[in-house]
Structure formats: C-alpha cells, structure tokens
Amino acid sequence: MTLNQLRTFLAVAETGSVRAAAADLVVTQAAVSAALAALQKSLAVALVVPDGRGLRLTAAGQAYARYVRTALGLLEEAVLAARSAADPDRGELRIGAVTTAAEQILPAILGGFRRLYPGTGVRLEAGNRERIHALFDRHQVDLILGGRPEPGWDVTVHAVRRHELVVVAAPELAGQVAAGDPMAWLARQTWLLREPGSGTRASTDALLADLDITPTVLVVGSNGAIREAAKVGLGVTLVSVDGVADELAAGELVALDVPGTPLHRDWYLVAHPGDLIPPAARLVTHAVGTAGFHAPPVPPVPPVPPPTAP
C-alpha cells in the first residue's frame, strides 16, 4: 500500500463516489479506481461496494477508514514537527475550536499570535463539539479550544478561561416574564437550539430537563443565526455570554433570571499528552495571560504516609 492509495481511499470514503473523489484530488477517475483496486488487492479484503451510482464502505472499510484517518493525521503531525524543529520561526499551527470559541475567542488570540510570529502558518478548523473532537482524535489538529474534557479522554489541559451561558431574549419578549408564573412562561416560549452534537445544545437539553419543561423548539444552524433570531423576538435561547456581549450592552438582548443560570462552562485549551511542537507551544504561551486565559490549577500532591515502625 502507498500513501496515495490511502488518501484516495479516504477521499472515496468521504465523498461516496469515484467521480467526486477524483474531483477533490484533482486526478482522473481512472487513477482513483486503480488506486482503490490496488489497495483492496493488497489487503485481500473488500473496502467498498457499489451503492446506486456511488460506493459505500463495507464493515471492513469503515473499520479501516478510522485507522487510516488517524495514521495520516500522525504522519502530517510528524512532518510539521520535523519542519518546526528545522526552522522554529516557521512551521504551522493546527488548531480546532468549537463554533462559539472560534467566533468569539480565537480571533483576538490568533491576531496577536500572527503579529508575534508572522512566519508561522495557521490552520483553523471550526465546528460543533463532535466534529472538533473527531479531528483531534485523528491527529488532524494539535490543539483544540472547547468545553471541559470528558472523563477518560486522554488530553493535557494547557489553559483555562472562564465561560458562562445565560438565557436571553429580546427586550419586548423579556418584558412579558413579570406577568404570571415565570416557569410557565418559559415553557410556553419557543427555544432556539443549535444542532445535535453542539456543546451548547447539550447544555440546553440538560437545562430544560432540570427545569422539567418541554417547550416548542426551533433548531438554528449557527450562533449568528440564533443571535439574530433572538433579537427579533423569535424565541429565547441559552447562549454564551461571549457571543452576545455587544447585544447585552446595547440592550438588544436581555439576560433572563432562569433557575440554574448562569451556567459555568469554562473554556479549555487542550492537546495530546507529550511535548507540543513549537507553533502549538507558542500559541499556548501567548494565550495564557491574554483574553482571560490562565494556566490550569496544579493538582494537589497526595501526602506521603509516614514510614511504619519495624
């Protein structure tokens, strides 16, 4: 097998057809078909089968794709590490961030970072929590900025920033809360939600369960769209304070007094365990002390028991 065959296989896996894979890779369809056939022959297993006009992964193909994504991510990481070691002033920073952090937190950090290290390239991947975690697990990004790492996730926390979520609404809508039962009012409102897989969506679902209400919901695909929908009175929403700071200051949105809020959900800048390559290490150093980030607390050292008497 070759790297070209592996990259071709992933392109087919992600696009679902030889034609689309060829377009993505800027090669001929015959080249894609030949690489795919050679890879399957070397493995002695079928990775794809026809599916209408396209192709779909077999069970073996699905299993193989997971390993190939990680392997190619590690190889790219190795190349970047070697280049950074040879020329520390250049290299490339690969960072992923959940949507809210990518929109509201990272621009200022990356702006300052680029001024300090103009020779370093930056590749930013933004998306919901599930997508960013998948990129990280495949070693396709070196750092991620998101919510608290799940228990058992093998990561190192390099910086932490305070983060709060509040329920907001347009002033005209918020003015109705005082009349009658606030909880009944909340249950009657339309709640604007992010898509499944979003950390904010998970927090909203948990809050609604804690409040024991099942309101009408409207799924909106981005933080900006949710913010604008709330401003014109389409509903209420749980949102990051960072994402609506200007609107709250201008009076275009109002934070509601909802039991259990504000929710405290710190931002965490994390990486895989081990030494960081120079661009990632420099980003961490730059982030700590700027935009509210600080180094994570040092875990307490357990006391050493006194020696037992012989």
Protein backbone atom coordinates (compact mmCIF):
# COMPACT_ATOMS: atom_id res chain seq x y z
CA MET A 1 0.00 0.00 0.00
CA THR A 2 1.08 3.60 -0.56
CA LEU A 3 0.18 6.99 0.91
CA ASN A 4 -1.50 7.85 -2.38
CA GLN A 5 -3.70 4.75 -2.10
CA LEU A 6 -4.64 5.60 1.49
CA ARG A 7 -5.51 9.21 0.64
CA THR A 8 -7.52 8.04 -2.37
CA PHE A 9 -9.43 5.54 -0.24
CA LEU A 10 -10.32 8.26 2.29
CA ALA A 11 -11.48 10.57 -0.50
CA VAL A 12 -13.79 7.84 -1.78
CA ALA A 13 -14.97 7.09 1.76
CA GLU A 14 -15.84 10.73 2.41
CA THR A 15 -17.38 11.59 -0.97
CA GLY A 16 -19.09 8.28 -1.73
CA SER A 17 -18.04 8.10 -5.37
CA VAL A 18 -15.03 7.74 -7.65
CA ARG A 19 -16.06 10.83 -9.61
CA ALA A 20 -16.29 13.10 -6.56
CA ALA A 21 -13.05 11.71 -5.12
CA ALA A 22 -11.26 12.39 -8.40
CA ALA A 23 -12.54 15.97 -8.40
CA ASP A 24 -11.36 16.50 -4.81
CA LEU A 25 -7.92 15.03 -5.52
CA VAL A 26 -7.62 16.70 -8.94
CA VAL A 27 -6.82 13.38 -10.67
CA THR A 28 -8.60 11.23 -13.23
CA GLN A 29 -11.35 8.80 -12.29
CA ALA A 30 -9.20 6.02 -13.73
CA ALA A 31 -6.41 6.92 -11.28
CA VAL A 32 -8.85 6.75 -8.35
CA SER A 33 -10.23 3.38 -9.48
CA ALA A 34 -6.72 1.97 -9.96
CA ALA A 35 -5.50 3.13 -6.54
CA LEU A 36 -8.60 1.77 -4.83
CA ALA A 37 -8.33 -1.59 -6.59
CA ALA A 38 -4.64 -1.90 -5.73
CA LEU A 39 -5.29 -1.14 -2.06
CA GLN A 40 -8.08 -3.71 -1.78
CA LYS A 41 -5.89 -6.29 -3.53
CA SER A 42 -3.00 -5.68 -1.11
CA LEU A 43 -5.33 -6.08 1.87
CA ALA A 44 -7.21 -9.02 0.36
CA VAL A 45 -10.48 -7.53 1.62
CA ALA A 46 -13.30 -5.51 0.05
CA LEU A 47 -13.41 -1.96 1.42
CA VAL A 48 -16.22 -0.60 -0.77
CA VAL A 49 -19.22 -1.98 -2.65
CA PRO A 50 -21.44 -0.37 -5.31
CA ASP A 51 -24.36 1.64 -3.97
CA GLY A 52 -26.56 3.08 -6.69
CA ARG A 53 -24.34 5.40 -8.73
CA GLY A 54 -21.76 5.60 -5.99
CA LEU A 55 -19.89 3.49 -3.48
CA ARG A 56 -20.35 2.77 0.20
CA LEU A 57 -17.96 1.38 2.76
CA THR A 58 -18.21 -2.22 3.85
CA ALA A 59 -17.88 -3.02 7.55
CA ALA A 60 -14.21 -3.69 6.86
CA GLY A 61 -13.93 -0.36 5.05
CA GLN A 62 -15.47 1.53 7.96
CA ALA A 63 -13.04 -0.04 10.41
CA TYR A 64 -10.08 0.58 8.11
CA ALA A 65 -11.05 4.22 7.49
CA ARG A 66 -10.88 5.04 11.19
CA TYR A 67 -7.29 3.82 11.40
CA VAL A 68 -6.26 5.44 8.12
CA ARG A 69 -7.53 8.87 9.22
CA THR A 70 -5.50 8.64 12.42
CA ALA A 71 -2.41 7.31 10.65
CA LEU A 72 -2.43 10.08 8.06
CA GLY A 73 -3.01 12.67 10.78
CA LEU A 74 0.01 11.36 12.71
CA LEU A 75 2.16 11.40 9.57
CA GLU A 76 1.21 15.02 8.89
CA GLU A 77 1.93 15.84 12.52
CA ALA A 78 5.36 14.22 12.18
CA VAL A 79 6.13 16.27 9.07
CA LEU A 80 5.14 19.51 10.82
CA ALA A 81 7.22 18.57 13.87
CA ALA A 82 10.27 17.92 11.71
CA ARG A 83 9.85 21.19 9.81
CA SER A 84 9.33 23.15 13.02
CA ALA A 85 12.45 21.59 14.56
CA ALA A 86 14.47 22.52 11.47
CA ASP A 87 13.10 26.10 11.37
CA PRO A 88 11.32 27.06 14.63
CA ASP A 89 10.36 30.50 13.28
CA ARG A 90 8.13 28.99 10.62
CA GLY A 91 6.02 25.83 10.77
CA GLU A 92 2.22 25.63 11.00
CA LEU A 93 -0.24 25.86 13.86
CA ARG A 94 -3.17 23.43 13.52
CA ILE A 95 -5.94 24.37 15.92
CA GLY A 96 -9.59 23.34 16.19
CA ALA A 97 -12.29 25.19 18.10
CA VAL A 98 -15.98 24.71 18.78
CA THR A 99 -18.08 27.25 16.92
CA THR A 100 -18.62 29.77 19.72
CA ALA A 101 -14.94 29.83 20.67
CA ALA A 102 -13.88 30.08 17.02
CA GLU A 103 -16.17 33.06 16.50
CA GLN A 104 -15.71 34.93 19.77
CA ILE A 105 -12.45 33.90 21.48
CA LEU A 106 -9.84 32.80 18.96
CA PRO A 107 -9.75 35.78 16.54
CA ALA A 108 -8.13 38.09 19.10
CA ILE A 109 -5.68 35.40 20.22
CA LEU A 110 -4.70 34.45 16.67
CA GLY A 111 -4.36 38.11 15.68
CA GLY A 112 -1.81 38.69 18.42
CA PHE A 113 -0.10 35.38 17.67
CA ARG A 114 0.32 36.27 13.98
CA ARG A 115 1.82 39.63 14.86
CA LEU A 116 4.39 37.88 17.07
CA TYR A 117 5.10 35.02 14.65
CA PRO A 118 4.36 36.23 11.11
CA GLY A 119 6.29 33.32 9.57
CA THR A 120 4.05 30.68 11.16
CA GLY A 121 1.07 29.45 9.19
CA VAL A 122 -2.27 28.95 10.91
CA ARG A 123 -4.89 26.34 10.03
CA LEU A 124 -8.13 26.81 11.99
CA GLU A 125 -10.88 24.19 11.97
CA ALA A 126 -14.24 25.26 13.42
CA GLY A 127 -17.33 23.19 14.04
CA ASN A 128 -19.51 21.61 16.69
CA ARG A 129 -18.04 19.58 19.53
CA GLU A 130 -18.38 16.22 17.80
CA ARG A 131 -16.54 17.35 14.67
CA ILE A 132 -13.70 19.04 16.55
CA HIS A 133 -13.21 16.05 18.85
CA ALA A 134 -13.07 13.76 15.81
CA LEU A 135 -10.39 15.90 14.17
CA PHE A 136 -8.39 15.89 17.39
CA ASP A 137 -8.65 12.13 17.88
CA ARG A 138 -7.40 11.65 14.30
CA HIS A 139 -4.40 13.95 14.98
CA GLN A 140 -5.61 16.38 12.33
CA VAL A 141 -5.28 19.29 14.77
CA ASP A 142 -2.68 19.80 17.51
CA LEU A 143 -4.73 21.95 19.88
CA ILE A 144 -8.44 22.37 20.48
CA LEU A 145 -10.40 25.03 22.31
CA GLY A 146 -13.69 23.78 23.69
CA GLY A 147 -15.59 22.74 26.79
CA ARG A 148 -14.45 20.61 29.70
CA PRO A 149 -12.77 17.37 28.53
CA GLU A 150 -14.87 14.30 29.17
CA PRO A 151 -13.70 11.88 31.88
CA GLY A 152 -11.31 9.30 30.45
CA TRP A 153 -10.31 11.45 27.45
CA ASP A 154 -6.51 11.32 27.22
CA VAL A 155 -5.61 15.01 26.91
CA THR A 156 -3.43 17.59 28.61
CA VAL A 157 -5.06 20.89 29.63
CA HIS A 158 -2.76 23.85 28.89
CA ALA A 159 -5.01 26.85 29.59
CA VAL A 160 -8.43 27.65 31.02
CA ARG A 161 -10.77 30.62 30.55
CA ARG A 162 -13.98 31.48 32.36
CA HIS A 163 -17.12 30.88 30.32
CA GLU A 164 -20.78 31.41 31.19
CA LEU A 165 -24.04 30.58 29.44
CA VAL A 166 -27.17 32.66 30.01
CA VAL A 167 -30.75 32.58 28.73
CA VAL A 168 -31.52 35.66 26.63
CA ALA A 169 -34.49 37.15 24.81
CA ALA A 170 -35.46 40.34 23.03
CA PRO A 171 -36.47 43.14 25.46
CA GLU A 172 -40.13 43.09 24.32
CA LEU A 173 -40.32 39.34 24.93
CA ALA A 174 -38.44 39.53 28.21
CA GLY A 175 -40.87 42.16 29.43
CA GLN A 176 -43.63 39.54 29.49
CA VAL A 177 -41.91 37.42 32.16
CA ALA A 178 -43.15 39.50 35.08
CA ALA A 179 -46.77 38.78 34.22
CA GLY A 180 -47.77 35.43 35.71
CA ASP A 181 -45.66 32.37 36.51
CA PRO A 182 -42.08 32.71 35.08
CA MET A 183 -41.67 28.93 34.72
CA ALA A 184 -44.96 28.59 32.88
CA TRP A 185 -43.90 31.49 30.65
CA LEU A 186 -40.59 29.78 29.84
CA ALA A 187 -42.42 26.56 28.98
CA ARG A 188 -44.65 28.45 26.51
CA GLN A 189 -41.77 30.08 24.67
CA THR A 190 -40.02 28.79 21.56
CA TRP A 191 -36.45 27.81 22.44
CA LEU A 192 -33.82 28.40 19.78
CA LEU A 193 -31.37 25.49 19.70
CA ARG A 194 -28.12 24.59 17.98
CA GLU A 195 -27.83 21.31 16.08
CA PRO A 196 -27.21 17.96 17.83
CA GLY A 197 -23.50 17.50 18.51
CA SER A 198 -23.09 21.07 19.73
CA GLY A 199 -21.92 21.62 23.31
CA THR A 200 -24.40 24.48 23.72
CA ARG A 201 -27.19 22.17 22.52
CA ALA A 202 -26.20 19.57 25.13
CA SER A 203 -26.21 22.25 27.84
CA THR A 204 -29.63 23.50 26.71
CA ASP A 205 -31.08 19.98 26.72
CA ALA A 206 -29.74 19.47 30.25
CA LEU A 207 -31.17 22.81 31.42
CA LEU A 208 -34.63 22.06 30.01
CA ALA A 209 -34.56 18.67 31.73
CA ASP A 210 -33.60 20.33 35.03
CA LEU A 211 -36.42 22.86 34.61
CA ASP A 212 -38.78 19.97 33.76
CA ILE A 213 -40.25 21.75 30.75
CA THR A 214 -40.77 20.56 27.15
CA PRO A 215 -41.21 23.73 25.11
CA THR A 216 -41.52 24.16 21.37
CA VAL A 217 -38.05 24.25 19.82
CA LEU A 218 -36.57 25.71 16.67
CA VAL A 219 -33.21 24.35 15.51
CA VAL A 220 -30.99 27.04 14.00
CA GLY A 221 -27.68 26.13 12.37
CA SER A 222 -25.30 28.78 13.70
CA ASN A 223 -24.65 31.04 16.65
CA GLY A 224 -25.07 34.13 14.50
CA ALA A 225 -28.45 32.99 13.21
CA ILE A 226 -29.61 32.18 16.74
CA ARG A 227 -28.49 35.59 17.98
CA GLU A 228 -30.36 37.39 15.19
CA ALA A 229 -33.47 35.24 15.68
CA ALA A 230 -33.50 36.07 19.39
CA LYS A 231 -33.05 39.79 18.69
CA VAL A 232 -36.20 39.90 16.56
CA GLY A 233 -38.24 38.01 19.17
CA LEU A 234 -38.49 34.56 17.60
CA GLY A 235 -37.75 32.90 20.93
CA VAL A 236 -35.44 32.52 23.88
CA THR A 237 -32.10 30.76 23.88
CA LEU A 238 -29.25 29.61 26.08
CA VAL A 239 -26.12 31.22 24.70
CA SER A 240 -22.54 32.05 25.60
CA VAL A 241 -22.11 35.45 27.23
CA ASP A 242 -19.08 35.90 24.96
CA GLY A 243 -21.33 35.55 21.93
CA VAL A 244 -23.88 38.22 22.92
CA ALA A 245 -21.79 40.67 24.96
CA ASP A 246 -22.33 43.51 22.48
CA GLU A 247 -26.07 42.87 22.21
CA LEU A 248 -26.46 42.77 26.01
CA ALA A 249 -24.51 46.01 26.37
CA ALA A 250 -26.62 47.70 23.67
CA GLY A 251 -29.91 46.47 25.17
CA GLU A 252 -30.79 44.46 22.07
CA LEU A 253 -30.97 41.32 24.20
CA VAL A 254 -31.76 40.84 27.89
CA ALA A 255 -30.46 38.10 30.18
CA LEU A 256 -33.35 36.31 31.89
CA ASP A 257 -33.39 35.22 35.51
CA VAL A 258 -33.75 31.48 34.95
CA PRO A 259 -33.17 28.96 37.77
CA GLY A 260 -29.80 27.25 37.42
CA THR A 261 -28.30 30.01 35.28
CA PRO A 262 -25.83 31.39 34.51
CA LEU A 263 -24.22 28.04 33.72
CA HIS A 264 -20.47 27.99 34.33
CA ARG A 265 -18.76 26.14 31.47
CA ASP A 266 -15.08 27.09 31.27
CA TRP A 267 -13.14 27.05 28.01
CA TYR A 268 -10.25 24.58 27.90
CA LEU A 269 -7.24 24.70 25.57
CA VAL A 270 -6.05 21.09 25.34
CA ALA A 271 -3.58 18.94 23.40
CA HIS A 272 -2.46 15.36 23.19
CA PRO A 273 -0.14 14.33 26.05
CA GLY A 274 3.56 14.89 25.42
CA ASP A 275 5.66 17.71 24.07
CA LEU A 276 4.00 20.31 21.85
CA ILE A 277 5.54 21.21 18.52
CA PRO A 278 6.86 24.83 18.54
CA PRO A 279 3.85 26.57 16.91
CA ALA A 280 1.40 24.96 19.34
CA ALA A 281 3.68 25.65 22.32
CA ARG A 282 3.97 29.30 21.32
CA LEU A 283 0.20 29.63 20.97
CA VAL A 284 -0.27 28.26 24.50
CA THR A 285 2.34 30.68 25.89
CA HIS A 286 0.67 33.56 24.07
CA ALA A 287 -2.85 32.56 25.19
CA VAL A 288 -2.01 32.28 28.89
CA GLY A 289 -2.39 35.76 30.30
CA THR A 290 -4.37 37.13 27.33
CA ALA A 291 -8.12 37.24 26.74
CA GLY A 292 -8.78 35.90 30.23
CA PHE A 293 -6.84 32.62 29.92
CA HIS A 294 -4.78 31.27 32.78
CA ALA A 295 -2.71 28.17 33.44
CA PRO A 296 -4.69 25.20 34.79
CA PRO A 297 -4.54 24.64 38.54
CA VAL A 298 -1.84 22.26 39.68
CA PRO A 299 -3.43 19.12 41.17
CA PRO A 300 -2.58 18.63 44.84
CA VAL A 301 0.17 16.17 45.64
CA PRO A 302 -1.16 13.38 47.86
CA PRO A 303 0.55 13.24 51.26
CA VAL A 304 3.24 10.64 51.74
CA PRO A 305 2.28 8.23 54.55
CA PRO A 306 4.78 8.08 57.42
CA PRO A 307 7.04 5.03 57.48
CA THR A 308 5.78 2.16 59.52
CA ALA A 309 7.75 1.15 62.58
CA PRO A 310 9.75 -2.07 62.17
